[in-house]
């Protein structure tokens, strides 16, 4: 299988399925360390006349330290057969073990981005904006009749995500 670079406008995946069901592996490298984490919250769109991805990372995640230390990150999508690996990346901390080595993924580098040879889709994204979510800006009102509509239920420890908006600079697709 070969890797082909495509324009973000050529992406054919349903973004709701891509993020919410297939999941993304958000990865970054810094100081010789590479780590990744599973993300199932985020999106793709256009902001400031650029194709962008937006993702959310909790402050306790080790990957956040690496993302914060670099101007860019990689968003990888894998075949569904690799869902157990994606689950592993979402439940084990890179502080505790080398998840990439243990997973058997093959890191590669291109244009300063670290990505994985096994990914069916690799999105190279340059950070444009980062903002911690704050409870005071939630616009929904808690409603006992519809508790799942209140975003606060996702933060019992008040460990609100940081939202990152990143320009999609390059997309690689495995053919």
N, C-alpha and C. Protein backbone atom coordinates (compact mmCIF):
# COMPACT_ATOMS: atom_id res chain seq x y z
N UNK A 1 0.84 -1.19 0.00
CA UNK A 1 0.00 0.00 0.00
C UNK A 1 0.88 1.24 0.00
N UNK A 2 0.45 2.24 -0.75
CA UNK A 2 1.21 3.47 -0.81
C UNK A 2 0.48 4.58 -0.07
N UNK A 3 1.22 5.64 0.21
CA UNK A 3 0.66 6.81 0.88
C UNK A 3 0.59 7.93 -0.15
N UNK A 4 -0.56 8.57 -0.20
CA UNK A 4 -0.78 9.65 -1.15
C UNK A 4 -1.19 10.89 -0.38
N UNK A 5 -0.65 12.04 -0.76
CA UNK A 5 -1.07 13.30 -0.16
C UNK A 5 -2.30 13.81 -0.90
N UNK A 6 -3.32 14.23 -0.12
CA UNK A 6 -4.52 14.80 -0.71
C UNK A 6 -4.81 16.16 -0.08
N UNK A 7 -5.61 16.94 -0.76
CA UNK A 7 -6.09 18.21 -0.24
C UNK A 7 -7.17 17.90 0.80
N UNK A 8 -7.25 18.65 1.89
CA UNK A 8 -8.31 18.39 2.88
C UNK A 8 -9.71 18.35 2.26
N UNK A 9 -9.95 19.09 1.19
CA UNK A 9 -11.25 19.09 0.53
C UNK A 9 -11.56 17.74 -0.13
N UNK A 10 -10.55 16.91 -0.31
CA UNK A 10 -10.74 15.60 -0.93
C UNK A 10 -11.06 14.50 0.08
N UNK A 11 -11.06 14.82 1.36
CA UNK A 11 -11.40 13.82 2.37
C UNK A 11 -12.83 13.35 2.16
N UNK A 12 -13.03 12.04 2.12
CA UNK A 12 -14.35 11.49 1.83
C UNK A 12 -15.05 10.92 3.06
N UNK A 13 -14.37 10.86 4.18
CA UNK A 13 -14.95 10.28 5.39
C UNK A 13 -16.07 11.14 5.96
N UNK A 14 -17.05 10.49 6.53
CA UNK A 14 -18.09 11.17 7.30
C UNK A 14 -17.43 11.59 8.62
N UNK A 15 -17.35 12.89 8.86
CA UNK A 15 -16.59 13.36 10.03
C UNK A 15 -17.21 12.95 11.36
N UNK A 16 -18.52 12.76 11.39
CA UNK A 16 -19.16 12.33 12.63
C UNK A 16 -18.75 10.90 12.97
N UNK A 17 -18.69 10.06 11.95
CA UNK A 17 -18.26 8.67 12.15
C UNK A 17 -16.75 8.64 12.42
N UNK A 18 -16.02 9.44 11.69
CA UNK A 18 -14.56 9.48 11.82
C UNK A 18 -14.14 9.78 13.25
N UNK A 19 -14.77 10.78 13.87
CA UNK A 19 -14.37 11.20 15.21
C UNK A 19 -15.13 10.42 16.28
N UNK A 20 -16.43 10.33 16.15
CA UNK A 20 -17.24 9.74 17.20
C UNK A 20 -17.22 8.23 17.27
N UNK A 21 -16.93 7.55 16.15
CA UNK A 21 -16.93 6.09 16.15
C UNK A 21 -15.56 5.49 15.86
N UNK A 22 -14.88 5.99 14.83
CA UNK A 22 -13.55 5.46 14.51
C UNK A 22 -12.51 5.95 15.50
N UNK A 23 -12.68 7.16 15.97
CA UNK A 23 -11.79 7.85 16.90
C UNK A 23 -10.51 8.33 16.20
N UNK A 24 -9.92 9.34 16.79
CA UNK A 24 -8.66 9.90 16.33
C UNK A 24 -7.57 9.53 17.32
N UNK A 25 -6.37 9.37 16.82
CA UNK A 25 -5.20 9.26 17.68
C UNK A 25 -4.48 10.60 17.56
N UNK A 26 -4.53 11.39 18.62
CA UNK A 26 -3.86 12.69 18.64
C UNK A 26 -2.45 12.43 19.13
N UNK A 27 -1.47 12.85 18.34
CA UNK A 27 -0.09 12.60 18.75
C UNK A 27 0.78 13.83 18.53
N UNK A 28 1.83 13.90 19.31
CA UNK A 28 2.82 14.97 19.22
C UNK A 28 4.14 14.44 19.74
N UNK A 29 5.20 15.09 19.32
CA UNK A 29 6.54 14.70 19.75
C UNK A 29 7.25 15.94 20.29
N UNK A 30 8.09 15.71 21.30
CA UNK A 30 8.88 16.80 21.86
C UNK A 30 10.05 16.20 22.62
N UNK A 31 11.23 16.71 22.40
CA UNK A 31 12.41 16.27 23.13
C UNK A 31 12.68 14.78 23.00
N UNK A 32 12.43 14.22 21.83
CA UNK A 32 12.68 12.80 21.62
C UNK A 32 11.58 11.88 22.12
N UNK A 33 10.53 12.45 22.70
CA UNK A 33 9.41 11.64 23.18
C UNK A 33 8.21 11.86 22.27
N UNK A 34 7.55 10.77 21.94
CA UNK A 34 6.32 10.83 21.16
C UNK A 34 5.25 10.11 21.96
N UNK A 35 4.06 10.68 21.98
CA UNK A 35 2.94 10.04 22.67
C UNK A 35 1.67 10.32 21.89
N UNK A 36 0.69 9.50 22.16
CA UNK A 36 -0.60 9.68 21.52
C UNK A 36 -1.72 9.36 22.48
N UNK A 37 -2.89 9.88 22.19
CA UNK A 37 -4.08 9.61 22.99
C UNK A 37 -5.28 9.51 22.06
N UNK A 38 -6.23 8.73 22.46
CA UNK A 38 -7.46 8.58 21.70
C UNK A 38 -8.36 9.78 21.95
N UNK A 39 -8.98 10.27 20.89
CA UNK A 39 -9.94 11.37 21.02
C UNK A 39 -11.21 11.00 20.25
N UNK A 40 -12.34 11.21 20.90
CA UNK A 40 -13.61 10.98 20.23
C UNK A 40 -14.49 12.23 20.27
N UNK A 41 -13.89 13.35 20.65
CA UNK A 41 -14.56 14.64 20.62
C UNK A 41 -13.76 15.55 19.71
N UNK A 42 -14.42 16.28 18.87
CA UNK A 42 -13.74 17.23 17.99
C UNK A 42 -14.53 17.44 16.72
N UNK A 43 -13.88 18.02 15.74
CA UNK A 43 -14.55 18.27 14.48
C UNK A 43 -13.61 18.85 13.45
N UNK A 44 -14.16 19.03 12.28
CA UNK A 44 -13.45 19.63 11.16
C UNK A 44 -14.32 20.73 10.58
N UNK A 45 -13.70 21.75 10.04
CA UNK A 45 -14.47 22.82 9.43
C UNK A 45 -13.56 23.86 8.81
N UNK A 46 -14.08 25.07 8.72
CA UNK A 46 -13.33 26.18 8.14
C UNK A 46 -13.38 27.32 9.15
N UNK A 47 -12.23 27.88 9.44
CA UNK A 47 -12.13 29.02 10.34
C UNK A 47 -11.00 29.90 9.84
N UNK A 48 -11.22 31.19 9.82
CA UNK A 48 -10.22 32.15 9.36
C UNK A 48 -9.72 31.78 7.96
N UNK A 49 -10.66 31.37 7.11
CA UNK A 49 -10.40 31.02 5.71
C UNK A 49 -9.42 29.86 5.55
N UNK A 50 -9.39 28.97 6.55
CA UNK A 50 -8.47 27.82 6.52
C UNK A 50 -9.24 26.55 6.87
N UNK A 51 -8.82 25.42 6.31
CA UNK A 51 -9.39 24.16 6.78
C UNK A 51 -8.81 23.85 8.15
N UNK A 52 -9.67 23.53 9.11
CA UNK A 52 -9.19 23.31 10.48
C UNK A 52 -9.77 22.04 11.07
N UNK A 53 -9.08 21.57 12.09
CA UNK A 53 -9.59 20.53 12.98
C UNK A 53 -9.65 21.17 14.36
N UNK A 54 -10.65 20.77 15.13
CA UNK A 54 -10.63 21.20 16.52
C UNK A 54 -10.78 19.96 17.39
N UNK A 55 -9.96 19.92 18.43
CA UNK A 55 -9.95 18.77 19.33
C UNK A 55 -9.94 19.28 20.77
N UNK A 56 -10.21 18.36 21.67
CA UNK A 56 -10.31 18.69 23.08
C UNK A 56 -9.44 17.72 23.88
N UNK A 57 -8.60 18.28 24.76
CA UNK A 57 -7.71 17.45 25.57
C UNK A 57 -7.85 17.88 27.03
N UNK A 58 -8.04 16.89 27.91
CA UNK A 58 -8.12 17.18 29.35
C UNK A 58 -6.74 17.59 29.87
N UNK A 59 -6.70 18.43 30.90
CA UNK A 59 -5.41 18.92 31.43
C UNK A 59 -4.54 17.83 32.03
N UNK A 60 -5.13 16.71 32.41
CA UNK A 60 -4.37 15.64 33.05
C UNK A 60 -3.66 14.72 32.06
N UNK A 61 -3.92 14.87 30.79
CA UNK A 61 -3.36 13.94 29.80
C UNK A 61 -1.90 14.27 29.50
N UNK A 62 -1.08 13.25 29.46
CA UNK A 62 0.34 13.43 29.14
C UNK A 62 0.52 13.99 27.73
N UNK A 63 -0.30 13.56 26.80
CA UNK A 63 -0.20 14.06 25.43
C UNK A 63 -0.37 15.57 25.38
N UNK A 64 -1.16 16.14 26.27
CA UNK A 64 -1.36 17.59 26.29
C UNK A 64 -0.04 18.32 26.50
N UNK A 65 0.82 17.79 27.34
CA UNK A 65 2.13 18.41 27.57
C UNK A 65 2.92 18.49 26.26
N UNK A 66 2.89 17.43 25.47
CA UNK A 66 3.61 17.40 24.21
C UNK A 66 2.96 18.31 23.18
N UNK A 67 1.63 18.31 23.12
CA UNK A 67 0.91 19.18 22.20
C UNK A 67 1.20 20.65 22.54
N UNK A 68 1.20 20.97 23.82
CA UNK A 68 1.46 22.36 24.24
C UNK A 68 2.88 22.81 23.93
N UNK A 69 3.81 21.88 23.89
CA UNK A 69 5.22 22.22 23.69
C UNK A 69 5.60 22.40 22.22
N UNK A 70 4.72 22.03 21.31
CA UNK A 70 5.04 22.08 19.89
C UNK A 70 3.99 22.90 19.12
N UNK A 71 4.36 23.39 17.94
CA UNK A 71 3.38 24.15 17.15
C UNK A 71 2.39 23.27 16.39
N UNK A 72 2.63 21.97 16.38
CA UNK A 72 1.76 21.12 15.58
C UNK A 72 1.48 19.78 16.23
N UNK A 73 0.51 19.07 15.63
CA UNK A 73 0.11 17.75 16.10
C UNK A 73 -0.33 16.94 14.90
N UNK A 74 -0.45 15.65 15.10
CA UNK A 74 -0.96 14.77 14.05
C UNK A 74 -2.22 14.08 14.55
N UNK A 75 -3.20 14.00 13.68
CA UNK A 75 -4.44 13.28 13.96
C UNK A 75 -4.46 12.07 13.03
N UNK A 76 -4.49 10.89 13.60
CA UNK A 76 -4.42 9.66 12.81
C UNK A 76 -5.71 8.87 12.96
N UNK A 77 -6.10 8.23 11.87
CA UNK A 77 -7.27 7.36 11.86
C UNK A 77 -6.80 5.99 11.38
N UNK A 78 -7.28 4.95 12.06
CA UNK A 78 -6.88 3.58 11.75
C UNK A 78 -8.09 2.76 11.32
N UNK A 79 -7.84 1.65 10.67
CA UNK A 79 -8.91 0.72 10.33
C UNK A 79 -9.60 0.26 11.61
N UNK A 80 -10.86 -0.09 11.49
CA UNK A 80 -11.63 -0.52 12.66
C UNK A 80 -11.05 -1.76 13.33
N UNK A 81 -10.27 -2.54 12.59
CA UNK A 81 -9.64 -3.73 13.18
C UNK A 81 -8.65 -3.34 14.28
N UNK A 82 -8.26 -2.07 14.31
CA UNK A 82 -7.29 -1.59 15.30
C UNK A 82 -7.97 -0.91 16.48
N UNK A 83 -9.26 -1.11 16.63
CA UNK A 83 -10.01 -0.49 17.73
C UNK A 83 -9.45 -0.89 19.10
N UNK A 84 -9.04 -2.15 19.32
CA UNK A 84 -8.43 -2.47 20.63
C UNK A 84 -7.19 -1.62 20.92
N UNK A 85 -6.38 -1.36 19.90
CA UNK A 85 -5.21 -0.51 20.09
C UNK A 85 -5.64 0.91 20.44
N UNK A 86 -6.68 1.40 19.78
CA UNK A 86 -7.17 2.75 20.07
C UNK A 86 -7.72 2.82 21.50
N UNK A 87 -8.38 1.77 21.93
CA UNK A 87 -8.88 1.72 23.31
C UNK A 87 -7.71 1.76 24.30
N UNK A 88 -6.65 1.02 23.99
CA UNK A 88 -5.44 1.03 24.82
C UNK A 88 -4.88 2.45 24.93
N UNK A 89 -4.79 3.17 23.81
CA UNK A 89 -4.26 4.53 23.84
C UNK A 89 -5.15 5.48 24.63
N UNK A 90 -6.42 5.11 24.80
CA UNK A 90 -7.34 5.95 25.56
C UNK A 90 -7.40 5.63 27.04
N UNK A 91 -6.79 4.52 27.45
CA UNK A 91 -6.92 4.11 28.85
C UNK A 91 -5.60 4.04 29.61
N UNK A 92 -4.49 4.07 28.91
CA UNK A 92 -3.17 3.97 29.55
C UNK A 92 -2.42 5.29 29.34
N UNK A 93 -1.73 5.74 30.34
CA UNK A 93 -0.97 7.00 30.25
C UNK A 93 0.43 6.76 29.69
N UNK A 94 0.84 7.66 28.82
CA UNK A 94 2.20 7.64 28.30
C UNK A 94 3.24 8.00 29.35
N UNK A 95 2.80 8.52 30.48
CA UNK A 95 3.72 8.76 31.59
C UNK A 95 4.18 7.45 32.20
N UNK A 96 3.30 6.44 32.13
CA UNK A 96 3.55 5.16 32.79
C UNK A 96 4.27 4.15 31.91
N UNK A 97 4.09 4.25 30.61
CA UNK A 97 4.74 3.30 29.70
C UNK A 97 4.83 3.89 28.30
N UNK A 98 5.70 3.31 27.50
CA UNK A 98 5.86 3.73 26.11
C UNK A 98 4.76 3.05 25.29
N UNK A 99 3.64 3.76 25.14
CA UNK A 99 2.48 3.18 24.46
C UNK A 99 2.77 2.86 23.00
N UNK A 100 3.57 3.68 22.36
CA UNK A 100 3.85 3.46 20.95
C UNK A 100 4.65 2.17 20.76
N UNK A 101 5.67 1.99 21.56
CA UNK A 101 6.46 0.75 21.47
C UNK A 101 5.61 -0.47 21.80
N UNK A 102 4.81 -0.36 22.84
CA UNK A 102 4.01 -1.49 23.27
C UNK A 102 2.90 -1.83 22.27
N UNK A 103 2.40 -0.82 21.56
CA UNK A 103 1.32 -1.04 20.60
C UNK A 103 1.80 -1.66 19.30
N UNK A 104 3.09 -1.51 19.02
CA UNK A 104 3.63 -2.03 17.77
C UNK A 104 3.48 -1.06 16.61
N UNK A 105 3.01 0.16 16.87
CA UNK A 105 2.91 1.14 15.79
C UNK A 105 4.30 1.54 15.30
N UNK A 106 4.37 1.91 14.03
CA UNK A 106 5.63 2.30 13.42
C UNK A 106 5.62 3.81 13.19
N UNK A 107 6.34 4.58 14.03
CA UNK A 107 6.38 6.02 13.81
C UNK A 107 7.19 6.36 12.56
N UNK A 108 6.75 7.40 11.88
CA UNK A 108 7.48 7.93 10.72
C UNK A 108 7.47 9.45 10.86
N UNK A 109 8.36 10.09 10.15
CA UNK A 109 8.42 11.55 10.23
C UNK A 109 8.37 12.13 8.83
N UNK A 110 7.64 13.24 8.71
CA UNK A 110 7.54 13.93 7.43
C UNK A 110 7.27 15.40 7.72
N UNK A 111 8.11 16.26 7.18
CA UNK A 111 7.94 17.70 7.33
C UNK A 111 7.81 18.14 8.79
N UNK A 112 8.53 17.46 9.69
CA UNK A 112 8.49 17.81 11.10
C UNK A 112 7.33 17.21 11.87
N UNK A 113 6.49 16.44 11.22
CA UNK A 113 5.36 15.78 11.87
C UNK A 113 5.68 14.31 12.09
N UNK A 114 5.28 13.78 13.23
CA UNK A 114 5.38 12.35 13.48
C UNK A 114 4.01 11.75 13.21
N UNK A 115 4.00 10.70 12.40
CA UNK A 115 2.75 10.00 12.12
C UNK A 115 3.04 8.51 12.14
N UNK A 116 2.04 7.69 11.87
CA UNK A 116 2.20 6.25 12.00
C UNK A 116 1.91 5.57 10.67
N UNK A 117 2.81 4.69 10.27
CA UNK A 117 2.69 4.02 8.99
C UNK A 117 1.41 3.21 8.87
N UNK A 118 0.87 2.74 9.97
CA UNK A 118 -0.33 1.91 9.96
C UNK A 118 -1.62 2.71 9.79
N UNK A 119 -1.56 4.02 9.94
CA UNK A 119 -2.76 4.85 9.85
C UNK A 119 -3.30 4.85 8.43
N UNK A 120 -4.61 4.79 8.30
CA UNK A 120 -5.21 4.89 6.97
C UNK A 120 -5.37 6.34 6.56
N UNK A 121 -5.36 7.25 7.56
CA UNK A 121 -5.48 8.68 7.32
C UNK A 121 -4.62 9.40 8.34
N UNK A 122 -3.74 10.29 7.89
CA UNK A 122 -2.90 11.09 8.78
C UNK A 122 -3.11 12.55 8.45
N UNK A 123 -3.50 13.32 9.45
CA UNK A 123 -3.79 14.73 9.26
C UNK A 123 -2.75 15.53 10.02
N UNK A 124 -1.99 16.32 9.31
CA UNK A 124 -0.95 17.15 9.92
C UNK A 124 -1.56 18.52 10.17
N UNK A 125 -1.56 18.95 11.44
CA UNK A 125 -2.27 20.17 11.81
C UNK A 125 -1.39 21.09 12.66
N UNK A 126 -1.38 22.36 12.28
CA UNK A 126 -0.61 23.39 13.00
C UNK A 126 -1.55 24.14 13.93
N UNK A 127 -1.19 24.22 15.20
CA UNK A 127 -2.04 24.89 16.18
C UNK A 127 -2.20 26.37 15.84
N UNK A 128 -3.45 26.83 15.92
CA UNK A 128 -3.76 28.24 15.72
C UNK A 128 -4.28 28.90 16.99
N UNK A 129 -4.94 28.08 17.84
CA UNK A 129 -5.62 28.65 19.00
C UNK A 129 -5.81 27.55 20.03
N UNK A 130 -5.65 27.91 21.29
CA UNK A 130 -5.93 26.98 22.39
C UNK A 130 -6.63 27.76 23.49
N UNK A 131 -7.69 27.17 24.03
CA UNK A 131 -8.45 27.84 25.07
C UNK A 131 -9.05 26.82 26.02
N UNK A 132 -8.74 26.91 27.31
CA UNK A 132 -9.40 26.01 28.27
C UNK A 132 -10.90 26.31 28.33
N UNK A 133 -11.70 25.27 28.37
CA UNK A 133 -13.14 25.45 28.57
C UNK A 133 -13.37 25.92 30.00
N UNK A 134 -14.36 26.77 30.17
CA UNK A 134 -14.69 27.27 31.49
C UNK A 134 -16.18 27.09 31.72
N UNK A 135 -16.52 26.63 32.90
CA UNK A 135 -17.92 26.35 33.23
C UNK A 135 -18.82 27.57 33.04
N UNK A 136 -18.31 28.73 33.33
CA UNK A 136 -19.16 29.93 33.24
C UNK A 136 -19.63 30.22 31.81
N UNK A 137 -18.98 29.59 30.82
CA UNK A 137 -19.37 29.83 29.43
C UNK A 137 -20.30 28.76 28.87
N UNK A 138 -20.63 27.75 29.64
CA UNK A 138 -21.62 26.78 29.17
C UNK A 138 -22.96 27.52 29.06
N UNK A 139 -23.61 27.36 27.95
CA UNK A 139 -24.86 28.11 27.73
C UNK A 139 -26.10 27.30 28.05
N UNK A 140 -25.94 26.00 28.23
CA UNK A 140 -27.11 25.18 28.57
C UNK A 140 -27.41 25.35 30.06
N UNK A 141 -28.66 25.19 30.39
CA UNK A 141 -29.10 25.27 31.77
C UNK A 141 -29.35 23.86 32.27
N UNK A 142 -28.82 23.49 33.42
CA UNK A 142 -29.10 22.15 33.95
C UNK A 142 -30.61 21.92 34.03
N UNK A 143 -31.04 20.76 33.54
CA UNK A 143 -32.46 20.43 33.50
C UNK A 143 -32.61 18.99 33.98
N UNK A 144 -33.26 18.80 35.10
CA UNK A 144 -33.42 17.45 35.68
C UNK A 144 -34.12 16.50 34.73
N UNK A 145 -34.97 17.02 33.85
CA UNK A 145 -35.69 16.17 32.91
C UNK A 145 -34.80 15.70 31.76
N UNK A 146 -33.72 16.43 31.49
CA UNK A 146 -32.82 16.08 30.39
C UNK A 146 -31.36 16.21 30.84
N UNK A 147 -30.93 15.41 31.80
CA UNK A 147 -29.58 15.58 32.36
C UNK A 147 -28.46 15.37 31.35
N UNK A 148 -28.67 14.52 30.34
CA UNK A 148 -27.59 14.25 29.37
C UNK A 148 -27.32 15.44 28.46
N UNK A 149 -28.19 16.43 28.45
CA UNK A 149 -27.97 17.61 27.63
C UNK A 149 -27.07 18.64 28.32
N UNK A 150 -26.77 18.42 29.57
CA UNK A 150 -25.93 19.36 30.32
C UNK A 150 -24.47 18.91 30.22
N UNK A 151 -23.60 19.70 29.59
CA UNK A 151 -22.20 19.28 29.44
C UNK A 151 -21.46 19.10 30.77
N UNK A 152 -21.96 19.66 31.84
CA UNK A 152 -21.29 19.53 33.13
C UNK A 152 -21.19 18.08 33.60
N UNK A 153 -22.07 17.20 33.10
CA UNK A 153 -22.02 15.80 33.53
C UNK A 153 -20.71 15.13 33.12
N UNK A 154 -20.04 15.68 32.14
CA UNK A 154 -18.77 15.11 31.69
C UNK A 154 -17.58 15.57 32.54
N UNK A 155 -17.83 16.42 33.52
CA UNK A 155 -16.76 17.00 34.32
C UNK A 155 -17.04 16.89 35.82
N UNK A 156 -17.21 15.69 36.35
CA UNK A 156 -17.48 15.59 37.79
C UNK A 156 -16.32 16.12 38.63
N UNK A 157 -15.11 16.12 38.06
CA UNK A 157 -13.94 16.63 38.80
C UNK A 157 -13.53 18.02 38.33
N UNK A 158 -14.37 18.62 37.49
CA UNK A 158 -14.12 19.96 36.94
C UNK A 158 -12.78 20.05 36.21
N UNK A 159 -12.40 18.97 35.55
CA UNK A 159 -11.16 18.94 34.77
C UNK A 159 -11.47 19.23 33.31
N UNK A 160 -11.87 20.46 33.06
CA UNK A 160 -12.35 20.88 31.75
C UNK A 160 -11.26 20.78 30.69
N UNK A 161 -11.68 20.32 29.52
CA UNK A 161 -10.77 20.19 28.39
C UNK A 161 -10.21 21.55 27.95
N UNK A 162 -9.09 21.49 27.25
CA UNK A 162 -8.62 22.63 26.47
C UNK A 162 -9.03 22.35 25.04
N UNK A 163 -9.60 23.35 24.38
CA UNK A 163 -9.96 23.22 22.98
C UNK A 163 -8.80 23.75 22.13
N UNK A 164 -8.40 22.97 21.16
CA UNK A 164 -7.36 23.37 20.21
C UNK A 164 -8.00 23.50 18.84
N UNK A 165 -7.69 24.59 18.16
CA UNK A 165 -8.05 24.76 16.76
C UNK A 165 -6.73 24.71 15.99
N UNK A 166 -6.67 23.83 14.99
CA UNK A 166 -5.42 23.64 14.27
C UNK A 166 -5.68 23.62 12.76
N UNK A 167 -4.86 24.35 12.04
CA UNK A 167 -4.97 24.37 10.58
C UNK A 167 -4.49 23.04 9.99
N UNK A 168 -5.28 22.47 9.13
CA UNK A 168 -4.89 21.24 8.46
C UNK A 168 -3.92 21.61 7.34
N UNK A 169 -2.67 21.26 7.52
CA UNK A 169 -1.64 21.60 6.55
C UNK A 169 -1.46 20.52 5.49
N UNK A 170 -1.69 19.28 5.88
CA UNK A 170 -1.44 18.17 4.96
C UNK A 170 -2.27 16.98 5.38
N UNK A 171 -2.74 16.21 4.41
CA UNK A 171 -3.47 14.99 4.67
C UNK A 171 -2.83 13.87 3.86
N UNK A 172 -2.48 12.80 4.55
CA UNK A 172 -1.95 11.61 3.88
C UNK A 172 -2.99 10.51 3.98
N UNK A 173 -3.22 9.82 2.88
CA UNK A 173 -4.17 8.73 2.86
C UNK A 173 -3.47 7.48 2.33
N UNK A 174 -3.72 6.37 3.01
CA UNK A 174 -3.12 5.09 2.60
C UNK A 174 -4.03 4.46 1.56
N UNK A 175 -3.46 4.12 0.43
CA UNK A 175 -4.24 3.50 -0.66
C UNK A 175 -3.89 2.03 -0.80
